[in-house]
Amino acid sequence: MFPNLNAELARKGLCLKELSTITGIKYDSLKNKASGNTEFKRSEMLKIKKEVFPGKSLDYLFQTEEDVG
């Protein structure tokens, strides 16, 4: 659902479980959000950006496959 987020996680060698631990977002919740079943809260997106990807923009990280084309 979020190809850029997935690619950046892979570049850092992180999985969703590790992202959950780093950010404090519950794993099941994060899994549902990453797959597009539920929406990320803005505060969660900011936390992921700040704590894991400070050099990346929110627009880039949370661009969906639909946004691309």
PDB file of N, CA and C in Angstrom:
ATOM      1  N   MET A   1       0.819  -1.195   0.000  1.00  0.00           N
ATOM      2  CA  MET A   1       0.000   0.000   0.000  1.00  0.00           C
ATOM      3  C   MET A   1       0.867   1.264   0.000  1.00  0.00           C
ATOM      4  N   PHE A   2       1.973   1.237   0.730  1.00  0.00           N
ATOM      5  CA  PHE A   2       2.894   2.383   0.802  1.00  0.00           C
ATOM      6  C   PHE A   2       4.268   1.926   0.300  1.00  0.00           C
ATOM      7  N   PRO A   3       4.458   1.918  -1.014  1.00  0.00           N
ATOM      8  CA  PRO A   3       5.708   1.362  -1.562  1.00  0.00           C
ATOM      9  C   PRO A   3       6.968   2.077  -1.087  1.00  0.00           C
ATOM     10  N   ASN A   4       6.915   3.392  -0.918  1.00  0.00           N
ATOM     11  CA  ASN A   4       8.113   4.116  -0.482  1.00  0.00           C
ATOM     12  C   ASN A   4       8.455   3.790   0.967  1.00  0.00           C
ATOM     13  N   LEU A   5       7.444   3.712   1.819  1.00  0.00           N
ATOM     14  CA  LEU A   5       7.676   3.343   3.214  1.00  0.00           C
ATOM     15  C   LEU A   5       8.274   1.946   3.288  1.00  0.00           C
ATOM     16  N   ASN A   6       7.713   1.023   2.525  1.00  0.00           N
ATOM     17  CA  ASN A   6       8.234  -0.347   2.514  1.00  0.00           C
ATOM     18  C   ASN A   6       9.670  -0.398   2.009  1.00  0.00           C
ATOM     19  N   ALA A   7       9.964   0.376   0.971  1.00  0.00           N
ATOM     20  CA  ALA A   7      11.326   0.399   0.418  1.00  0.00           C
ATOM     21  C   ALA A   7      12.316   0.975   1.429  1.00  0.00           C
ATOM     22  N   GLU A   8      11.928   2.041   2.107  1.00  0.00           N
ATOM     23  CA  GLU A   8      12.822   2.655   3.095  1.00  0.00           C
ATOM     24  C   GLU A   8      13.031   1.744   4.310  1.00  0.00           C
ATOM     25  N   LEU A   9      11.990   1.036   4.713  1.00  0.00           N
ATOM     26  CA  LEU A   9      12.147   0.058   5.799  1.00  0.00           C
ATOM     27  C   LEU A   9      13.147  -1.022   5.380  1.00  0.00           C
ATOM     28  N   ALA A  10      13.017  -1.504   4.151  1.00  0.00           N
ATOM     29  CA  ALA A  10      13.931  -2.531   3.647  1.00  0.00           C
ATOM     30  C   ALA A  10      15.366  -2.012   3.591  1.00  0.00           C
ATOM     31  N   ARG A  11      15.552  -0.770   3.155  1.00  0.00           N
ATOM     32  CA  ARG A  11      16.903  -0.191   3.087  1.00  0.00           C
ATOM     33  C   ARG A  11      17.550  -0.128   4.468  1.00  0.00           C
ATOM     34  N   LYS A  12      16.730   0.092   5.493  1.00  0.00           N
ATOM     35  CA  LYS A  12      17.255   0.146   6.864  1.00  0.00           C
ATOM     36  C   LYS A  12      17.296  -1.233   7.516  1.00  0.00           C
ATOM     37  N   GLY A  13      16.785  -2.240   6.813  1.00  0.00           N
ATOM     38  CA  GLY A  13      16.765  -3.588   7.349  1.00  0.00           C
ATOM     39  C   GLY A  13      15.764  -3.762   8.483  1.00  0.00           C
ATOM     40  N   LEU A  14      14.668  -3.004   8.420  1.00  0.00           N
ATOM     41  CA  LEU A  14      13.648  -3.063   9.468  1.00  0.00           C
ATOM     42  C   LEU A  14      12.379  -3.738   8.959  1.00  0.00           C
ATOM     43  N   CYS A  15      11.702  -4.427   9.869  1.00  0.00           N
ATOM     44  CA  CYS A  15      10.394  -4.993   9.566  1.00  0.00           C
ATOM     45  C   CYS A  15       9.353  -4.221  10.372  1.00  0.00           C
ATOM     46  N   LEU A  16       8.081  -4.498  10.119  1.00  0.00           N
ATOM     47  CA  LEU A  16       7.019  -3.782  10.828  1.00  0.00           C
ATOM     48  C   LEU A  16       7.085  -4.012  12.337  1.00  0.00           C
ATOM     49  N   LYS A  17       7.479  -5.195  12.752  1.00  0.00           N
ATOM     50  CA  LYS A  17       7.579  -5.487  14.186  1.00  0.00           C
ATOM     51  C   LYS A  17       8.619  -4.572  14.835  1.00  0.00           C
ATOM     52  N   GLU A  18       9.744  -4.389  14.166  1.00  0.00           N
ATOM     53  CA  GLU A  18      10.781  -3.492  14.689  1.00  0.00           C
ATOM     54  C   GLU A  18      10.317  -2.033  14.660  1.00  0.00           C
ATOM     55  N   LEU A  19       9.605  -1.655  13.602  1.00  0.00           N
ATOM     56  CA  LEU A  19       9.059  -0.298  13.524  1.00  0.00           C
ATOM     57  C   LEU A  19       8.077  -0.067  14.669  1.00  0.00           C
ATOM     58  N   SER A  20       7.303  -1.079  14.984  1.00  0.00           N
ATOM     59  CA  SER A  20       6.366  -1.010  16.099  1.00  0.00           C
ATOM     60  C   SER A  20       7.099  -0.761  17.416  1.00  0.00           C
ATOM     61  N   THR A  21       8.175  -1.476  17.628  1.00  0.00           N
ATOM     62  CA  THR A  21       8.966  -1.320  18.852  1.00  0.00           C
ATOM     63  C   THR A  21       9.578   0.074  18.943  1.00  0.00           C
ATOM     64  N   ILE A  22      10.123   0.556  17.846  1.00  0.00           N
ATOM     65  CA  ILE A  22      10.781   1.864  17.823  1.00  0.00           C
ATOM     66  C   ILE A  22       9.782   2.989  18.085  1.00  0.00           C
ATOM     67  N   THR A  23       8.602   2.898  17.468  1.00  0.00           N
ATOM     68  CA  THR A  23       7.644   3.999  17.525  1.00  0.00           C
ATOM     69  C   THR A  23       6.619   3.880  18.648  1.00  0.00           C
ATOM     70  N   GLY A  24       6.457   2.677  19.175  1.00  0.00           N
ATOM     71  CA  GLY A  24       5.447   2.465  20.208  1.00  0.00           C
ATOM     72  C   GLY A  24       4.040   2.290  19.656  1.00  0.00           C
ATOM     73  N   ILE A  25       3.928   2.148  18.347  1.00  0.00           N
ATOM     74  CA  ILE A  25       2.630   1.875  17.722  1.00  0.00           C
ATOM     75  C   ILE A  25       2.413   0.364  17.784  1.00  0.00           C
ATOM     76  N   LYS A  26       1.253  -0.050  18.271  1.00  0.00           N
ATOM     77  CA  LYS A  26       0.976  -1.481  18.401  1.00  0.00           C
ATOM     78  C   LYS A  26       1.160  -2.183  17.067  1.00  0.00           C
ATOM     79  N   TYR A  27       1.777  -3.375  17.106  1.00  0.00           N
ATOM     80  CA  TYR A  27       2.097  -4.110  15.890  1.00  0.00           C
ATOM     81  C   TYR A  27       0.865  -4.396  15.040  1.00  0.00           C
ATOM     82  N   ASP A  28      -0.197  -4.919  15.652  1.00  0.00           N
ATOM     83  CA  ASP A  28      -1.395  -5.253  14.872  1.00  0.00           C
ATOM     84  C   ASP A  28      -1.985  -4.008  14.214  1.00  0.00           C
ATOM     85  N   SER A  29      -1.971  -2.907  14.926  1.00  0.00           N
ATOM     86  CA  SER A  29      -2.463  -1.643  14.386  1.00  0.00           C
ATOM     87  C   SER A  29      -1.588  -1.191  13.223  1.00  0.00           C
ATOM     88  N   LEU A  30      -0.284  -1.266  13.400  1.00  0.00           N
ATOM     89  CA  LEU A  30       0.662  -0.867  12.358  1.00  0.00           C
ATOM     90  C   LEU A  30       0.507  -1.742  11.110  1.00  0.00           C
ATOM     91  N   LYS A  31       0.323  -3.025  11.329  1.00  0.00           N
ATOM     92  CA  LYS A  31       0.145  -3.953  10.213  1.00  0.00           C
ATOM     93  C   LYS A  31      -1.112  -3.603   9.413  1.00  0.00           C
ATOM     94  N   ASN A  32      -2.206  -3.310  10.109  1.00  0.00           N
ATOM     95  CA  ASN A  32      -3.452  -2.928   9.425  1.00  0.00           C
ATOM     96  C   ASN A  32      -3.296  -1.622   8.666  1.00  0.00           C
ATOM     97  N   LYS A  33      -2.575  -0.690   9.237  1.00  0.00           N
ATOM     98  CA  LYS A  33      -2.382   0.609   8.589  1.00  0.00           C
ATOM     99  C   LYS A  33      -1.455   0.496   7.389  1.00  0.00           C
ATOM    100  N   ALA A  34      -0.404  -0.272   7.517  1.00  0.00           N
ATOM    101  CA  ALA A  34       0.555  -0.434   6.419  1.00  0.00           C
ATOM    102  C   ALA A  34      -0.079  -1.150   5.230  1.00  0.00           C
ATOM    103  N   SER A  35      -1.065  -2.000   5.493  1.00  0.00           N
ATOM    104  CA  SER A  35      -1.724  -2.714   4.403  1.00  0.00           C
ATOM    105  C   SER A  35      -2.918  -1.946   3.839  1.00  0.00           C
ATOM    106  N   GLY A  36      -3.253  -0.813   4.450  1.00  0.00           N
ATOM    107  CA  GLY A  36      -4.330   0.020   3.941  1.00  0.00           C
ATOM    108  C   GLY A  36      -5.701  -0.314   4.495  1.00  0.00           C
ATOM    109  N   ASN A  37      -5.774  -1.226   5.454  1.00  0.00           N
ATOM    110  CA  ASN A  37      -7.072  -1.582   6.040  1.00  0.00           C
ATOM    111  C   ASN A  37      -7.625  -0.466   6.915  1.00  0.00           C
ATOM    112  N   THR A  38      -6.748   0.245   7.594  1.00  0.00           N
ATOM    113  CA  THR A  38      -7.132   1.415   8.381  1.00  0.00           C
ATOM    114  C   THR A  38      -6.148   2.539   8.055  1.00  0.00           C
ATOM    115  N   GLU A  39      -6.508   3.762   8.425  1.00  0.00           N
ATOM    116  CA  GLU A  39      -5.657   4.906   8.089  1.00  0.00           C
ATOM    117  C   GLU A  39      -4.682   5.238   9.215  1.00  0.00           C
ATOM    118  N   PHE A  40      -3.504   5.705   8.807  1.00  0.00           N
ATOM    119  CA  PHE A  40      -2.538   6.222   9.775  1.00  0.00           C
ATOM    120  C   PHE A  40      -3.068   7.530  10.345  1.00  0.00           C
ATOM    121  N   LYS A  41      -2.881   7.741  11.635  1.00  0.00           N
ATOM    122  CA  LYS A  41      -3.129   9.050  12.223  1.00  0.00           C
ATOM    123  C   LYS A  41      -1.943   9.938  11.848  1.00  0.00           C
ATOM    124  N   ARG A  42      -2.184  11.209  11.745  1.00  0.00           N
ATOM    125  CA  ARG A  42      -1.088  12.145  11.416  1.00  0.00           C
ATOM    126  C   ARG A  42       0.018  12.054  12.462  1.00  0.00           C
ATOM    127  N   SER A  43      -0.350  11.897  13.724  1.00  0.00           N
ATOM    128  CA  SER A  43       0.655  11.798  14.787  1.00  0.00           C
ATOM    129  C   SER A  43       1.533  10.558  14.605  1.00  0.00           C
ATOM    130  N   GLU A  44       0.957   9.477  14.106  1.00  0.00           N
ATOM    131  CA  GLU A  44       1.733   8.261  13.859  1.00  0.00           C
ATOM    132  C   GLU A  44       2.689   8.456  12.697  1.00  0.00           C
ATOM    133  N   MET A  45       2.208   9.114  11.655  1.00  0.00           N
ATOM    134  CA  MET A  45       3.076   9.381  10.504  1.00  0.00           C
ATOM    135  C   MET A  45       4.254  10.269  10.924  1.00  0.00           C
ATOM    136  N   LEU A  46       3.965  11.287  11.721  1.00  0.00           N
ATOM    137  CA  LEU A  46       5.030  12.176  12.184  1.00  0.00           C
ATOM    138  C   LEU A  46       6.033  11.440  13.068  1.00  0.00           C
ATOM    139  N   LYS A  47       5.541  10.540  13.899  1.00  0.00           N
ATOM    140  CA  LYS A  47       6.419   9.770  14.778  1.00  0.00           C
ATOM    141  C   LYS A  47       7.349   8.874  13.958  1.00  0.00           C
ATOM    142  N   ILE A  48       6.802   8.196  12.946  1.00  0.00           N
ATOM    143  CA  ILE A  48       7.616   7.335  12.074  1.00  0.00           C
ATOM    144  C   ILE A  48       8.673   8.164  11.363  1.00  0.00           C
ATOM    145  N   LYS A  49       8.267   9.305  10.814  1.00  0.00           N
ATOM    146  CA  LYS A  49       9.219  10.178  10.119  1.00  0.00           C
ATOM    147  C   LYS A  49      10.306  10.667  11.065  1.00  0.00           C
ATOM    148  N   LYS A  50       9.914  11.181  12.221  1.00  0.00           N
ATOM    149  CA  LYS A  50      10.868  11.776  13.160  1.00  0.00           C
ATOM    150  C   LYS A  50      11.842  10.752  13.721  1.00  0.00           C
ATOM    151  N   GLU A  51      11.336   9.594  14.107  1.00  0.00           N
ATOM    152  CA  GLU A  51      12.167   8.613  14.799  1.00  0.00           C
ATOM    153  C   GLU A  51      12.936   7.676  13.876  1.00  0.00           C
ATOM    154  N   VAL A  52      12.442   7.482  12.647  1.00  0.00           N
ATOM    155  CA  VAL A  52      13.085   6.500  11.772  1.00  0.00           C
ATOM    156  C   VAL A  52      13.602   7.106  10.462  1.00  0.00           C
ATOM    157  N   PHE A  53      12.862   8.041   9.904  1.00  0.00           N
ATOM    158  CA  PHE A  53      13.225   8.605   8.597  1.00  0.00           C
ATOM    159  C   PHE A  53      13.241  10.135   8.620  1.00  0.00           C
ATOM    160  N   PRO A  54      14.065  10.747   9.436  1.00  0.00           N
ATOM    161  CA  PRO A  54      14.034  12.208   9.556  1.00  0.00           C
ATOM    162  C   PRO A  54      14.368  12.946   8.260  1.00  0.00           C
ATOM    163  N   GLY A  55      15.067  12.324   7.352  1.00  0.00           N
ATOM    164  CA  GLY A  55      15.446  12.981   6.112  1.00  0.00           C
ATOM    165  C   GLY A  55      14.437  12.833   4.988  1.00  0.00           C
ATOM    166  N   LYS A  56      13.345  12.136   5.248  1.00  0.00           N
ATOM    167  CA  LYS A  56      12.336  11.884   4.213  1.00  0.00           C
ATOM    168  C   LYS A  56      11.076  12.700   4.503  1.00  0.00           C
ATOM    169  N   SER A  57      10.363  13.068   3.458  1.00  0.00           N
ATOM    170  CA  SER A  57       9.128  13.833   3.645  1.00  0.00           C
ATOM    171  C   SER A  57       7.954  12.895   3.908  1.00  0.00           C
ATOM    172  N   LEU A  58       6.932  13.431   4.565  1.00  0.00           N
ATOM    173  CA  LEU A  58       5.710  12.652   4.784  1.00  0.00           C
ATOM    174  C   LEU A  58       5.062  12.283   3.448  1.00  0.00           C
ATOM    175  N   ASP A  59       5.052  13.226   2.515  1.00  0.00           N
ATOM    176  CA  ASP A  59       4.451  12.957   1.205  1.00  0.00           C
ATOM    177  C   ASP A  59       5.133  11.777   0.527  1.00  0.00           C
ATOM    178  N   TYR A  60       6.455  11.715   0.614  1.00  0.00           N
ATOM    179  CA  TYR A  60       7.201  10.615   0.015  1.00  0.00           C
ATOM    180  C   TYR A  60       6.919   9.303   0.745  1.00  0.00           C
ATOM    181  N   LEU A  61       7.079   9.297   2.060  1.00  0.00           N
ATOM    182  CA  LEU A  61       6.930   8.061   2.826  1.00  0.00           C
ATOM    183  C   LEU A  61       5.538   7.455   2.714  1.00  0.00           C
ATOM    184  N   PHE A  62       4.513   8.290   2.718  1.00  0.00           N
ATOM    185  CA  PHE A  62       3.151   7.796   2.767  1.00  0.00           C
ATOM    186  C   PHE A  62       2.405   7.945   1.449  1.00  0.00           C
ATOM    187  N   GLN A  63       3.177   8.025   0.358  1.00  0.00           N
ATOM    188  CA  GLN A  63       2.584   8.023  -0.969  1.00  0.00           C
ATOM    189  C   GLN A  63       2.023   6.619  -1.217  1.00  0.00           C
ATOM    190  N   THR A  64       0.775   6.554  -1.668  1.00  0.00           N
ATOM    191  CA  THR A  64       0.160   5.251  -1.916  1.00  0.00           C
ATOM    192  C   THR A  64       0.347   4.841  -3.374  1.00  0.00           C
ATOM    193  N   GLU A  65       0.060   3.591  -3.643  1.00  0.00           N
ATOM    194  CA  GLU A  65       0.166   3.093  -5.004  1.00  0.00           C
ATOM    195  C   GLU A  65      -0.804   3.841  -5.915  1.00  0.00           C
ATOM    196  N   GLU A  66      -1.958   4.238  -5.384  1.00  0.00           N
ATOM    197  CA  GLU A  66      -2.941   4.991  -6.163  1.00  0.00           C
ATOM    198  C   GLU A  66      -2.413   6.387  -6.525  1.00  0.00           C
ATOM    199  N   ASP A  67      -1.623   6.979  -5.618  1.00  0.00           N
ATOM    200  CA  ASP A  67      -1.064   8.312  -5.860  1.00  0.00           C
ATOM    201  C   ASP A  67      -0.084   8.300  -7.030  1.00  0.00           C
ATOM    202  N   VAL A  68       0.593   7.160  -7.205  1.00  0.00           N
ATOM    203  CA  VAL A  68       1.623   7.045  -8.240  1.00  0.00           C
ATOM    204  C   VAL A  68       1.012   7.015  -9.628  1.00  0.00           C
ATOM    205  N   GLY A  69      -0.061   6.316  -9.780  1.00  0.00           N
ATOM    206  CA  GLY A  69      -0.607   6.262 -11.114  1.00  0.00           C
ATOM    207  C   GLY A  69      -1.771   5.433 -11.165  1.00  0.00           C
TER     208      GLY A  69
END
